[in-house]
PDB file of N, CA and C in Angstrom:
ATOM      1  N   MET A   1     -41.248 -48.318  26.783  1.00  0.00           N
ATOM      2  CA  MET A   1     -42.567 -47.073  27.865  1.00  0.00           C
ATOM      3  C   MET A   1     -43.092 -46.713  27.098  1.00  0.00           C
ATOM      4  N   GLN A   2     -44.116 -47.717  28.364  1.00  0.00           N
ATOM      5  CA  GLN A   2     -46.097 -47.001  28.160  1.00  0.00           C
ATOM      6  C   GLN A   2     -46.005 -45.458  28.519  1.00  0.00           C
ATOM      7  N   ARG A   3     -46.805 -44.916  27.708  1.00  0.00           N
ATOM      8  CA  ARG A   3     -47.011 -43.727  27.215  1.00  0.00           C
ATOM      9  C   ARG A   3     -48.249 -42.876  27.945  1.00  0.00           C
ATOM     10  N   ALA A   4     -48.526 -41.880  28.149  1.00  0.00           N
ATOM     11  CA  ALA A   4     -49.901 -41.137  28.702  1.00  0.00           C
ATOM     12  C   ALA A   4     -49.484 -39.488  28.308  1.00  0.00           C
ATOM     13  N   PHE A   5     -50.997 -38.970  27.635  1.00  0.00           N
ATOM     14  CA  PHE A   5     -50.106 -37.474  28.522  1.00  0.00           C
ATOM     15  C   PHE A   5     -51.233 -36.604  28.362  1.00  0.00           C
ATOM     16  N   VAL A   6     -50.474 -35.790  28.937  1.00  0.00           N
ATOM     17  CA  VAL A   6     -50.643 -34.202  29.751  1.00  0.00           C
ATOM     18  C   VAL A   6     -51.402 -33.454  29.365  1.00  0.00           C
ATOM     19  N   ILE A   7     -52.587 -32.986  29.151  1.00  0.00           N
ATOM     20  CA  ILE A   7     -53.030 -32.455  28.353  1.00  0.00           C
ATOM     21  C   ILE A   7     -52.400 -30.622  28.665  1.00  0.00           C
ATOM     22  N   VAL A   8     -52.808 -29.991  30.127  1.00  0.00           N
ATOM     23  CA  VAL A   8     -52.435 -28.881  30.253  1.00  0.00           C
ATOM     24  C   VAL A   8     -52.883 -28.834  32.518  1.00  0.00           C
ATOM     25  N   ALA A   9     -51.431 -27.709  32.065  1.00  0.00           N
ATOM     26  CA  ALA A   9     -50.949 -28.410  33.904  1.00  0.00           C
ATOM     27  C   ALA A   9     -51.726 -27.869  34.574  1.00  0.00           C
ATOM     28  N   GLY A  10     -51.916 -28.577  35.570  1.00  0.00           N
ATOM     29  CA  GLY A  10     -53.392 -28.587  36.637  1.00  0.00           C
ATOM     30  C   GLY A  10     -54.203 -29.651  36.279  1.00  0.00           C
ATOM     31  N   ASP A  11     -54.316 -30.063  35.164  1.00  0.00           N
ATOM     32  CA  ASP A  11     -54.905 -31.698  35.047  1.00  0.00           C
ATOM     33  C   ASP A  11     -53.917 -32.376  36.374  1.00  0.00           C
ATOM     34  N   ASN A  12     -55.286 -33.402  36.787  1.00  0.00           N
ATOM     35  CA  ASN A  12     -54.740 -34.243  37.580  1.00  0.00           C
ATOM     36  C   ASN A  12     -55.319 -35.846  37.004  1.00  0.00           C
ATOM     37  N   VAL A  13     -55.274 -35.810  36.257  1.00  0.00           N
ATOM     38  CA  VAL A  13     -55.547 -36.876  34.668  1.00  0.00           C
ATOM     39  C   VAL A  13     -54.301 -36.530  33.213  1.00  0.00           C
ATOM     40  N   ALA A  14     -53.513 -37.730  33.181  1.00  0.00           N
ATOM     41  CA  ALA A  14     -53.456 -37.989  31.946  1.00  0.00           C
ATOM     42  C   ALA A  14     -54.057 -39.238  30.813  1.00  0.00           C
ATOM     43  N   THR A  15     -54.165 -38.823  30.091  1.00  0.00           N
ATOM     44  CA  THR A  15     -54.609 -39.655  28.777  1.00  0.00           C
ATOM     45  C   THR A  15     -53.975 -41.207  28.374  1.00  0.00           C
ATOM     46  N   ALA A  16     -54.023 -42.352  28.119  1.00  0.00           N
ATOM     47  CA  ALA A  16     -53.710 -43.264  28.393  1.00  0.00           C
ATOM     48  C   ALA A  16     -53.507 -43.639  26.927  1.00  0.00           C
ATOM     49  N   LEU A  17     -52.052 -43.109  26.523  1.00  0.00           N
ATOM     50  CA  LEU A  17     -52.075 -42.994  24.127  1.00  0.00           C
ATOM     51  C   LEU A  17     -51.806 -45.068  23.994  1.00  0.00           C
ATOM     52  N   GLU A  18     -51.607 -45.926  24.975  1.00  0.00           N
ATOM     53  CA  GLU A  18     -51.850 -46.769  24.539  1.00  0.00           C
ATOM     54  C   GLU A  18     -52.303 -47.713  25.629  1.00  0.00           C
ATOM     55  N   GLU A  19     -53.032 -48.830  25.691  1.00  0.00           N
ATOM     56  CA  GLU A  19     -53.193 -49.437  26.352  1.00  0.00           C
ATOM     57  C   GLU A  19     -51.643 -49.733  27.574  1.00  0.00           C
ATOM     58  N   LEU A  20     -51.732 -49.630  29.095  1.00  0.00           N
ATOM     59  CA  LEU A  20     -51.422 -49.401  30.586  1.00  0.00           C
ATOM     60  C   LEU A  20     -51.594 -50.444  31.282  1.00  0.00           C
ATOM     61  N   LYS A  21     -50.349 -51.072  31.726  1.00  0.00           N
ATOM     62  CA  LYS A  21     -49.974 -52.016  32.057  1.00  0.00           C
ATOM     63  C   LYS A  21     -49.619 -51.676  33.856  1.00  0.00           C
ATOM     64  N   PRO A  22     -49.510 -52.365  35.049  1.00  0.00           N
ATOM     65  CA  PRO A  22     -49.136 -51.413  36.194  1.00  0.00           C
ATOM     66  C   PRO A  22     -47.409 -51.396  35.912  1.00  0.00           C
ATOM     67  N   GLY A  23     -47.055 -50.521  36.109  1.00  0.00           N
ATOM     68  CA  GLY A  23     -45.833 -50.213  36.370  1.00  0.00           C
ATOM     69  C   GLY A  23     -45.705 -48.410  35.782  1.00  0.00           C
ATOM     70  N   GLY A  24     -44.186 -47.756  35.074  1.00  0.00           N
ATOM     71  CA  GLY A  24     -44.177 -46.644  35.017  1.00  0.00           C
ATOM     72  C   GLY A  24     -44.467 -46.595  33.813  1.00  0.00           C
ATOM     73  N   VAL A  25     -44.796 -45.491  33.537  1.00  0.00           N
ATOM     74  CA  VAL A  25     -45.628 -44.702  32.189  1.00  0.00           C
ATOM     75  C   VAL A  25     -45.068 -43.735  31.845  1.00  0.00           C
ATOM     76  N   GLN A  26     -44.419 -43.156  30.859  1.00  0.00           N
ATOM     77  CA  GLN A  26     -43.876 -41.607  30.341  1.00  0.00           C
ATOM     78  C   GLN A  26     -45.370 -40.884  30.415  1.00  0.00           C
ATOM     79  N   LEU A  27     -44.863 -39.563  30.716  1.00  0.00           N
ATOM     80  CA  LEU A  27     -45.719 -38.685  30.472  1.00  0.00           C
ATOM     81  C   LEU A  27     -45.409 -37.455  29.614  1.00  0.00           C
ATOM     82  N   LEU A  28     -46.152 -37.566  28.546  1.00  0.00           N
ATOM     83  CA  LEU A  28     -45.863 -35.946  27.595  1.00  0.00           C
ATOM     84  C   LEU A  28     -46.801 -35.498  27.418  1.00  0.00           C
ATOM     85  N   GLY A  29     -46.302 -34.325  26.585  1.00  0.00           N
ATOM     86  CA  GLY A  29     -47.619 -32.973  26.621  1.00  0.00           C
ATOM     87  C   GLY A  29     -46.279 -31.673  27.113  1.00  0.00           C
ATOM     88  N   ASP A  30     -46.639 -30.752  26.786  1.00  0.00           N
ATOM     89  CA  ASP A  30     -45.760 -29.281  27.433  1.00  0.00           C
ATOM     90  C   ASP A  30     -45.997 -28.661  29.209  1.00  0.00           C
ATOM     91  N   ALA A  31     -47.411 -30.118  29.249  1.00  0.00           N
ATOM     92  CA  ALA A  31     -47.721 -29.903  30.702  1.00  0.00           C
ATOM     93  C   ALA A  31     -47.151 -30.981  31.373  1.00  0.00           C
ATOM     94  N   ALA A  32     -46.309 -32.288  30.349  1.00  0.00           N
ATOM     95  CA  ALA A  32     -46.124 -33.177  31.817  1.00  0.00           C
ATOM     96  C   ALA A  32     -45.341 -33.284  32.523  1.00  0.00           C
ATOM     97  N   SER A  33     -45.433 -33.750  33.926  1.00  0.00           N
ATOM     98  CA  SER A  33     -43.499 -34.233  34.501  1.00  0.00           C
ATOM     99  C   SER A  33     -43.255 -34.619  34.118  1.00  0.00           C
ATOM    100  N   PRO A  34     -41.950 -35.841  34.906  1.00  0.00           N
ATOM    101  CA  PRO A  34     -41.265 -36.433  34.523  1.00  0.00           C
ATOM    102  C   PRO A  34     -42.171 -38.029  34.639  1.00  0.00           C
ATOM    103  N   GLY A  35     -42.684 -38.239  35.430  1.00  0.00           N
ATOM    104  CA  GLY A  35     -43.475 -39.381  34.552  1.00  0.00           C
ATOM    105  C   GLY A  35     -44.223 -39.791  35.927  1.00  0.00           C
ATOM    106  N   ALA A  36     -45.179 -41.675  35.943  1.00  0.00           N
ATOM    107  CA  ALA A  36     -46.204 -41.336  36.723  1.00  0.00           C
ATOM    108  C   ALA A  36     -46.073 -43.337  36.242  1.00  0.00           C
ATOM    109  N   GLU A  37     -47.120 -43.735  37.526  1.00  0.00           N
ATOM    110  CA  GLU A  37     -47.195 -44.879  37.203  1.00  0.00           C
ATOM    111  C   GLU A  37     -48.298 -45.352  37.662  1.00  0.00           C
ATOM    112  N   ALA A  38     -48.643 -46.563  37.003  1.00  0.00           N
ATOM    113  CA  ALA A  38     -50.014 -47.188  36.770  1.00  0.00           C
ATOM    114  C   ALA A  38     -49.835 -48.540  37.740  1.00  0.00           C
ATOM    115  N   SER A  39     -51.285 -48.421  38.311  1.00  0.00           N
ATOM    116  CA  SER A  39     -51.234 -49.079  39.041  1.00  0.00           C
ATOM    117  C   SER A  39     -52.580 -50.475  39.267  1.00  0.00           C
ATOM    118  N   GLY A  40     -52.606 -50.498  37.903  1.00  0.00           N
ATOM    119  CA  GLY A  40     -53.030 -51.278  37.185  1.00  0.00           C
ATOM    120  C   GLY A  40     -53.307 -51.116  35.833  1.00  0.00           C
ATOM    121  N   GLU A  41     -54.361 -52.320  35.173  1.00  0.00           N
ATOM    122  CA  GLU A  41     -53.799 -51.855  33.331  1.00  0.00           C
ATOM    123  C   GLU A  41     -55.276 -50.852  33.816  1.00  0.00           C
ATOM    124  N   ILE A  42     -55.105 -49.989  32.113  1.00  0.00           N
ATOM    125  CA  ILE A  42     -56.214 -48.801  31.761  1.00  0.00           C
ATOM    126  C   ILE A  42     -55.593 -48.953  30.474  1.00  0.00           C
ATOM    127  N   PRO A  43     -56.776 -49.466  29.782  1.00  0.00           N
ATOM    128  CA  PRO A  43     -57.597 -49.205  28.345  1.00  0.00           C
ATOM    129  C   PRO A  43     -57.132 -48.004  27.605  1.00  0.00           C
ATOM    130  N   LYS A  44     -56.542 -47.832  26.086  1.00  0.00           N
ATOM    131  CA  LYS A  44     -56.098 -46.722  25.761  1.00  0.00           C
ATOM    132  C   LYS A  44     -57.329 -46.071  25.994  1.00  0.00           C
ATOM    133  N   GLY A  45     -56.467 -44.054  25.857  1.00  0.00           N
ATOM    134  CA  GLY A  45     -57.913 -43.018  25.655  1.00  0.00           C
ATOM    135  C   GLY A  45     -58.565 -43.274  26.914  1.00  0.00           C
ATOM    136  N   HIS A  46     -57.812 -43.519  27.953  1.00  0.00           N
ATOM    137  CA  HIS A  46     -58.746 -44.359  29.471  1.00  0.00           C
ATOM    138  C   HIS A  46     -57.590 -43.179  29.937  1.00  0.00           C
ATOM    139  N   LYS A  47     -58.229 -42.648  31.600  1.00  0.00           N
ATOM    140  CA  LYS A  47     -57.058 -41.390  32.600  1.00  0.00           C
ATOM    141  C   LYS A  47     -57.004 -42.535  33.130  1.00  0.00           C
ATOM    142  N   LEU A  48     -55.651 -41.872  33.058  1.00  0.00           N
ATOM    143  CA  LEU A  48     -54.625 -42.273  34.959  1.00  0.00           C
ATOM    144  C   LEU A  48     -54.922 -41.014  35.503  1.00  0.00           C
ATOM    145  N   ALA A  49     -55.210 -41.503  36.706  1.00  0.00           N
ATOM    146  CA  ALA A  49     -55.044 -40.399  38.037  1.00  0.00           C
ATOM    147  C   ALA A  49     -53.380 -40.220  38.148  1.00  0.00           C
ATOM    148  N   LEU A  50     -53.437 -38.496  38.510  1.00  0.00           N
ATOM    149  CA  LEU A  50     -51.290 -37.818  38.578  1.00  0.00           C
ATOM    150  C   LEU A  50     -51.090 -38.331  39.614  1.00  0.00           C
ATOM    151  N   ARG A  51     -52.755 -37.906  41.021  1.00  0.00           N
ATOM    152  CA  ARG A  51     -52.602 -37.945  42.044  1.00  0.00           C
ATOM    153  C   ARG A  51     -52.836 -38.352  42.526  1.00  0.00           C
ATOM    154  N   ASP A  52     -53.633 -38.741  44.330  1.00  0.00           N
ATOM    155  CA  ASP A  52     -54.408 -39.163  44.587  1.00  0.00           C
ATOM    156  C   ASP A  52     -55.323 -38.083  44.732  1.00  0.00           C
ATOM    157  N   ILE A  53     -56.859 -38.757  44.399  1.00  0.00           N
ATOM    158  CA  ILE A  53     -58.110 -37.634  44.250  1.00  0.00           C
ATOM    159  C   ILE A  53     -59.121 -38.122  45.227  1.00  0.00           C
ATOM    160  N   ALA A  54     -59.443 -37.268  46.010  1.00  0.00           N
ATOM    161  CA  ALA A  54     -60.293 -37.469  46.743  1.00  0.00           C
ATOM    162  C   ALA A  54     -62.014 -37.973  46.770  1.00  0.00           C
ATOM    163  N   GLU A  55     -62.974 -38.253  47.495  1.00  0.00           N
ATOM    164  CA  GLU A  55     -63.993 -38.537  47.076  1.00  0.00           C
ATOM    165  C   GLU A  55     -64.805 -36.690  46.948  1.00  0.00           C
ATOM    166  N   GLY A  56     -65.051 -36.795  46.146  1.00  0.00           N
ATOM    167  CA  GLY A  56     -65.864 -35.036  45.990  1.00  0.00           C
ATOM    168  C   GLY A  56     -65.240 -34.375  45.082  1.00  0.00           C
ATOM    169  N   GLU A  57     -64.358 -35.501  45.133  1.00  0.00           N
ATOM    170  CA  GLU A  57     -62.960 -33.758  44.369  1.00  0.00           C
ATOM    171  C   GLU A  57     -63.245 -33.503  42.933  1.00  0.00           C
ATOM    172  N   LYS A  58     -62.805 -32.424  42.068  1.00  0.00           N
ATOM    173  CA  LYS A  58     -63.007 -32.364  40.668  1.00  0.00           C
ATOM    174  C   LYS A  58     -61.956 -32.997  39.532  1.00  0.00           C
ATOM    175  N   ILE A  59     -62.369 -34.017  38.676  1.00  0.00           N
ATOM    176  CA  ILE A  59     -61.804 -34.256  37.936  1.00  0.00           C
ATOM    177  C   ILE A  59     -61.110 -33.160  36.934  1.00  0.00           C
ATOM    178  N   VAL A  60     -60.068 -32.832  36.561  1.00  0.00           N
ATOM    179  CA  VAL A  60     -59.853 -31.886  36.061  1.00  0.00           C
ATOM    180  C   VAL A  60     -58.993 -32.579  34.540  1.00  0.00           C
ATOM    181  N   LYS A  61     -59.068 -31.928  33.182  1.00  0.00           N
ATOM    182  CA  LYS A  61     -59.332 -32.436  32.111  1.00  0.00           C
ATOM    183  C   LYS A  61     -59.190 -31.474  31.270  1.00  0.00           C
ATOM    184  N   TYR A  62     -58.521 -31.445  30.304  1.00  0.00           N
ATOM    185  CA  TYR A  62     -57.964 -30.147  29.016  1.00  0.00           C
ATOM    186  C   TYR A  62     -58.410 -28.553  30.297  1.00  0.00           C
ATOM    187  N   GLY A  63     -57.660 -28.778  31.333  1.00  0.00           N
ATOM    188  CA  GLY A  63     -57.462 -27.434  31.398  1.00  0.00           C
ATOM    189  C   GLY A  63     -59.366 -27.126  32.485  1.00  0.00           C
ATOM    190  N   VAL A  64     -60.377 -27.959  32.292  1.00  0.00           N
ATOM    191  CA  VAL A  64     -61.749 -27.799  32.377  1.00  0.00           C
ATOM    192  C   VAL A  64     -62.125 -29.078  33.468  1.00  0.00           C
ATOM    193  N   VAL A  65     -63.012 -28.657  34.406  1.00  0.00           N
ATOM    194  CA  VAL A  65     -63.730 -30.295  35.971  1.00  0.00           C
ATOM    195  C   VAL A  65     -64.486 -30.362  34.765  1.00  0.00           C
ATOM    196  N   ILE A  66     -64.458 -32.036  34.189  1.00  0.00           N
ATOM    197  CA  ILE A  66     -64.706 -32.597  33.317  1.00  0.00           C
ATOM    198  C   ILE A  66     -65.891 -34.163  34.408  1.00  0.00           C
ATOM    199  N   GLY A  67     -65.951 -33.850  35.741  1.00  0.00           N
ATOM    200  CA  GLY A  67     -66.710 -34.904  36.395  1.00  0.00           C
ATOM    201  C   GLY A  67     -66.264 -34.986  38.359  1.00  0.00           C
ATOM    202  N   GLN A  68     -66.411 -35.800  38.737  1.00  0.00           N
ATOM    203  CA  GLN A  68     -66.368 -35.510  39.963  1.00  0.00           C
ATOM    204  C   GLN A  68     -66.459 -36.800  40.741  1.00  0.00           C
ATOM    205  N   ALA A  69     -64.929 -36.823  41.515  1.00  0.00           N
ATOM    206  CA  ALA A  69     -64.583 -38.329  41.907  1.00  0.00           C
ATOM    207  C   ALA A  69     -66.129 -38.831  42.772  1.00  0.00           C
ATOM    208  N   THR A  70     -66.515 -40.469  42.582  1.00  0.00           N
ATOM    209  CA  THR A  70     -67.457 -40.919  43.623  1.00  0.00           C
ATOM    210  C   THR A  70     -66.366 -41.795  44.869  1.00  0.00           C
ATOM    211  N   THR A  71     -65.807 -41.508  45.291  1.00  0.00           N
ATOM    212  CA  THR A  71     -64.873 -42.548  45.377  1.00  0.00           C
ATOM    213  C   THR A  71     -63.110 -42.050  45.466  1.00  0.00           C
ATOM    214  N   ASP A  72     -62.310 -42.199  46.739  1.00  0.00           N
ATOM    215  CA  ASP A  72     -61.369 -42.013  46.293  1.00  0.00           C
ATOM    216  C   ASP A  72     -60.196 -42.580  45.221  1.00  0.00           C
ATOM    217  N   ILE A  73     -59.811 -42.127  44.677  1.00  0.00           N
ATOM    218  CA  ILE A  73     -58.789 -42.183  43.753  1.00  0.00           C
ATOM    219  C   ILE A  73     -57.443 -42.083  43.878  1.00  0.00           C
ATOM    220  N   PRO A  74     -56.619 -43.335  43.798  1.00  0.00           N
ATOM    221  CA  PRO A  74     -55.219 -43.717  44.461  1.00  0.00           C
ATOM    222  C   PRO A  74     -54.458 -43.048  43.528  1.00  0.00           C
ATOM    223  N   ALA A  75     -53.169 -42.358  43.255  1.00  0.00           N
ATOM    224  CA  ALA A  75     -52.682 -42.133  42.053  1.00  0.00           C
ATOM    225  C   ALA A  75     -52.539 -43.058  41.864  1.00  0.00           C
ATOM    226  N   GLY A  76     -52.200 -43.345  40.481  1.00  0.00           N
ATOM    227  CA  GLY A  76     -51.933 -44.357  39.053  1.00  0.00           C
ATOM    228  C   GLY A  76     -52.918 -44.879  39.258  1.00  0.00           C
ATOM    229  N   SER A  77     -54.431 -44.629  39.775  1.00  0.00           N
ATOM    230  CA  SER A  77     -55.153 -45.535  38.997  1.00  0.00           C
ATOM    231  C   SER A  77     -56.325 -45.090  37.681  1.00  0.00           C
ATOM    232  N   TRP A  78     -56.876 -46.102  36.962  1.00  0.00           N
ATOM    233  CA  TRP A  78     -57.672 -45.950  36.130  1.00  0.00           C
ATOM    234  C   TRP A  78     -58.454 -45.205  36.678  1.00  0.00           C
ATOM    235  N   VAL A  79     -59.227 -43.714  36.394  1.00  0.00           N
ATOM    236  CA  VAL A  79     -60.520 -42.842  36.454  1.00  0.00           C
ATOM    237  C   VAL A  79     -61.517 -43.119  35.506  1.00  0.00           C
ATOM    238  N   HIS A  80     -62.164 -43.390  35.429  1.00  0.00           N
ATOM    239  CA  HIS A  80     -63.780 -44.047  34.092  1.00  0.00           C
ATOM    240  C   HIS A  80     -65.207 -44.166  35.055  1.00  0.00           C
ATOM    241  N   LEU A  81     -65.987 -44.610  34.312  1.00  0.00           N
ATOM    242  CA  LEU A  81     -67.392 -44.691  35.089  1.00  0.00           C
ATOM    243  C   LEU A  81     -67.119 -45.287  36.502  1.00  0.00           C
ATOM    244  N   HIS A  82     -66.746 -45.925  36.764  1.00  0.00           N
ATOM    245  CA  HIS A  82     -66.708 -46.505  37.804  1.00  0.00           C
ATOM    246  C   HIS A  82     -66.012 -45.520  39.119  1.00  0.00           C
ATOM    247  N   ASN A  83     -65.206 -44.860  38.476  1.00  0.00           N
ATOM    248  CA  ASN A  83     -65.016 -44.066  39.812  1.00  0.00           C
ATOM    249  C   ASN A  83     -65.145 -42.505  39.998  1.00  0.00           C
ATOM    250  N   ILE A  84     -65.983 -42.124  39.096  1.00  0.00           N
ATOM    251  CA  ILE A  84     -66.646 -40.491  39.025  1.00  0.00           C
ATOM    252  C   ILE A  84     -67.420 -40.059  37.981  1.00  0.00           C
ATOM    253  N   ARG A  85     -68.169 -39.573  38.296  1.00  0.00           N
ATOM    254  CA  ARG A  85     -69.447 -39.162  37.250  1.00  0.00           C
ATOM    255  C   ARG A  85     -69.256 -37.963  37.049  1.00  0.00           C
ATOM    256  N   SER A  86     -70.282 -37.407  35.283  1.00  0.00           N
ATOM    257  CA  SER A  86     -70.290 -36.795  34.661  1.00  0.00           C
ATOM    258  C   SER A  86     -70.966 -35.725  35.270  1.00  0.00           C
ATOM    259  N   ILE A  87     -70.100 -33.903  35.214  1.00  0.00           N
ATOM    260  CA  ILE A  87     -71.224 -33.016  35.720  1.00  0.00           C
ATOM    261  C   ILE A  87     -72.068 -32.349  34.747  1.00  0.00           C
ATOM    262  N   TYR A  88     -71.740 -33.222  33.794  1.00  0.00           N
ATOM    263  CA  TYR A  88     -72.827 -32.732  32.389  1.00  0.00           C
ATOM    264  C   TYR A  88     -73.541 -33.612  32.052  1.00  0.00           C
ATOM    265  N   ASP A  89     -73.916 -35.090  32.574  1.00  0.00           N
ATOM    266  CA  ASP A  89     -74.499 -36.023  31.878  1.00  0.00           C
ATOM    267  C   ASP A  89     -74.406 -36.564  32.938  1.00  0.00           C
ATOM    268  N   GLU A  90     -75.916 -36.521  33.327  1.00  0.00           N
ATOM    269  CA  GLU A  90     -76.556 -36.993  34.718  1.00  0.00           C
ATOM    270  C   GLU A  90     -76.721 -39.024  34.298  1.00  0.00           C
ATOM    271  N   ARG A  91     -76.918 -38.998  33.257  1.00  0.00           N
ATOM    272  CA  ARG A  91     -77.015 -40.511  32.125  1.00  0.00           C
ATOM    273  C   ARG A  91     -75.512 -41.004  32.629  1.00  0.00           C
ATOM    274  N   SER A  92     -74.382 -40.353  32.715  1.00  0.00           N
ATOM    275  CA  SER A  92     -73.114 -41.646  32.881  1.00  0.00           C
ATOM    276  C   SER A  92     -73.134 -42.279  33.832  1.00  0.00           C
ATOM    277  N   SER A  93     -73.333 -42.169  34.984  1.00  0.00           N
ATOM    278  CA  SER A  93     -73.695 -42.694  36.156  1.00  0.00           C
ATOM    279  C   SER A  93     -74.286 -43.966  35.515  1.00  0.00           C
ATOM    280  N   HIS A  94     -75.426 -44.339  34.956  1.00  0.00           N
ATOM    281  CA  HIS A  94     -76.366 -45.666  34.071  1.00  0.00           C
ATOM    282  C   HIS A  94     -75.459 -46.114  33.006  1.00  0.00           C
ATOM    283  N   LEU A  95     -73.715 -45.866  32.947  1.00  0.00           N
ATOM    284  CA  LEU A  95     -73.483 -46.361  31.627  1.00  0.00           C
ATOM    285  C   LEU A  95     -72.715 -48.034  31.809  1.00  0.00           C
ATOM    286  N   ASP A  96     -72.569 -48.855  31.142  1.00  0.00           N
ATOM    287  CA  ASP A  96     -71.335 -50.378  31.613  1.00  0.00           C
ATOM    288  C   ASP A  96     -70.080 -49.356  31.449  1.00  0.00           C
ATOM    289  N   ILE A  97     -69.534 -50.262  32.237  1.00  0.00           N
ATOM    290  CA  ILE A  97     -68.115 -49.095  32.234  1.00  0.00           C
ATOM    291  C   ILE A  97     -66.681 -49.749  31.188  1.00  0.00           C
ATOM    292  N   LEU A  98     -67.163 -50.717  30.643  1.00  0.00           N
ATOM    293  CA  LEU A  98     -66.053 -51.920  29.483  1.00  0.00           C
ATOM    294  C   LEU A  98     -67.222 -51.243  28.541  1.00  0.00           C
ATOM    295  N   THR A  99     -68.387 -51.222  28.017  1.00  0.00           N
ATOM    296  CA  THR A  99     -68.728 -51.071  26.413  1.00  0.00           C
ATOM    297  C   THR A  99     -69.407 -49.630  26.701  1.00  0.00           C
ATOM    298  N   GLY A 100     -70.200 -48.751  27.841  1.00  0.00           N
ATOM    299  CA  GLY A 100     -70.097 -47.477  27.322  1.00  0.00           C
ATOM    300  C   GLY A 100     -72.257 -48.011  27.262  1.00  0.00           C
ATOM    301  N   ALA A 101     -72.677 -48.961  27.164  1.00  0.00           N
ATOM    302  CA  ALA A 101     -74.216 -49.461  26.799  1.00  0.00           C
ATOM    303  C   ALA A 101     -74.931 -48.606  27.815  1.00  0.00           C
ATOM    304  N   PRO A 102     -75.819 -48.380  27.928  1.00  0.00           N
ATOM    305  CA  PRO A 102     -77.107 -46.911  28.980  1.00  0.00           C
ATOM    306  C   PRO A 102     -77.392 -48.997  29.848  1.00  0.00           C
ATOM    307  N   LYS A 103     -77.251 -49.081  31.291  1.00  0.00           N
ATOM    308  CA  LYS A 103     -77.927 -50.164  31.915  1.00  0.00           C
ATOM    309  C   LYS A 103     -79.279 -49.516  32.536  1.00  0.00           C
ATOM    310  N   ASP A 104     -79.571 -48.771  31.511  1.00  0.00           N
ATOM    311  CA  ASP A 104     -81.157 -48.097  32.511  1.00  0.00           C
ATOM    312  C   ASP A 104     -81.954 -48.398  31.563  1.00  0.00           C
ATOM    313  N   THR A 105     -82.289 -48.748  30.223  1.00  0.00           N
ATOM    314  CA  THR A 105     -82.526 -49.235  29.662  1.00  0.00           C
ATOM    315  C   THR A 105     -82.266 -50.622  28.833  1.00  0.00           C
ATOM    316  N   LYS A 106     -84.379 -50.713  28.490  1.00  0.00           N
ATOM    317  CA  LYS A 106     -84.481 -52.817  28.536  1.00  0.00           C
ATOM    318  C   LYS A 106     -84.596 -52.292  27.126  1.00  0.00           C
ATOM    319  N   TYR A 107     -83.815 -53.704  26.974  1.00  0.00           N
ATOM    320  CA  TYR A 107     -83.973 -53.771  25.492  1.00  0.00           C
ATOM    321  C   TYR A 107     -84.703 -55.286  25.606  1.00  0.00           C
ATOM    322  N   GLU A 108     -85.496 -55.315  24.217  1.00  0.00           N
ATOM    323  CA  GLU A 108     -86.278 -56.532  24.423  1.00  0.00           C
ATOM    324  C   GLU A 108     -86.189 -57.040  22.336  1.00  0.00           C
TER     325      GLU A 108
END
């Protein structure tokens, strides 16, 4: 079974311990609930929405707010730069979703 880790009770995202495919996900960690469903592919080390997260709602990981949803995020979805923004780093919204490279910088 594919696995993800819940760091703190109250987190609304889990961290993928391997690349996740659509289907069941075993949640590990002291704060884990019985399980979750991935609705699409989620890269290893990225976040899985544990419940529906509304646009504007805070993203909680490590028991702290790490960002804010820029759109509604259904449970089981990949949570990343395409649907959240950092509340700590304004430039996060200018990074390429797959590579993390800045899109607001022109290289010649």
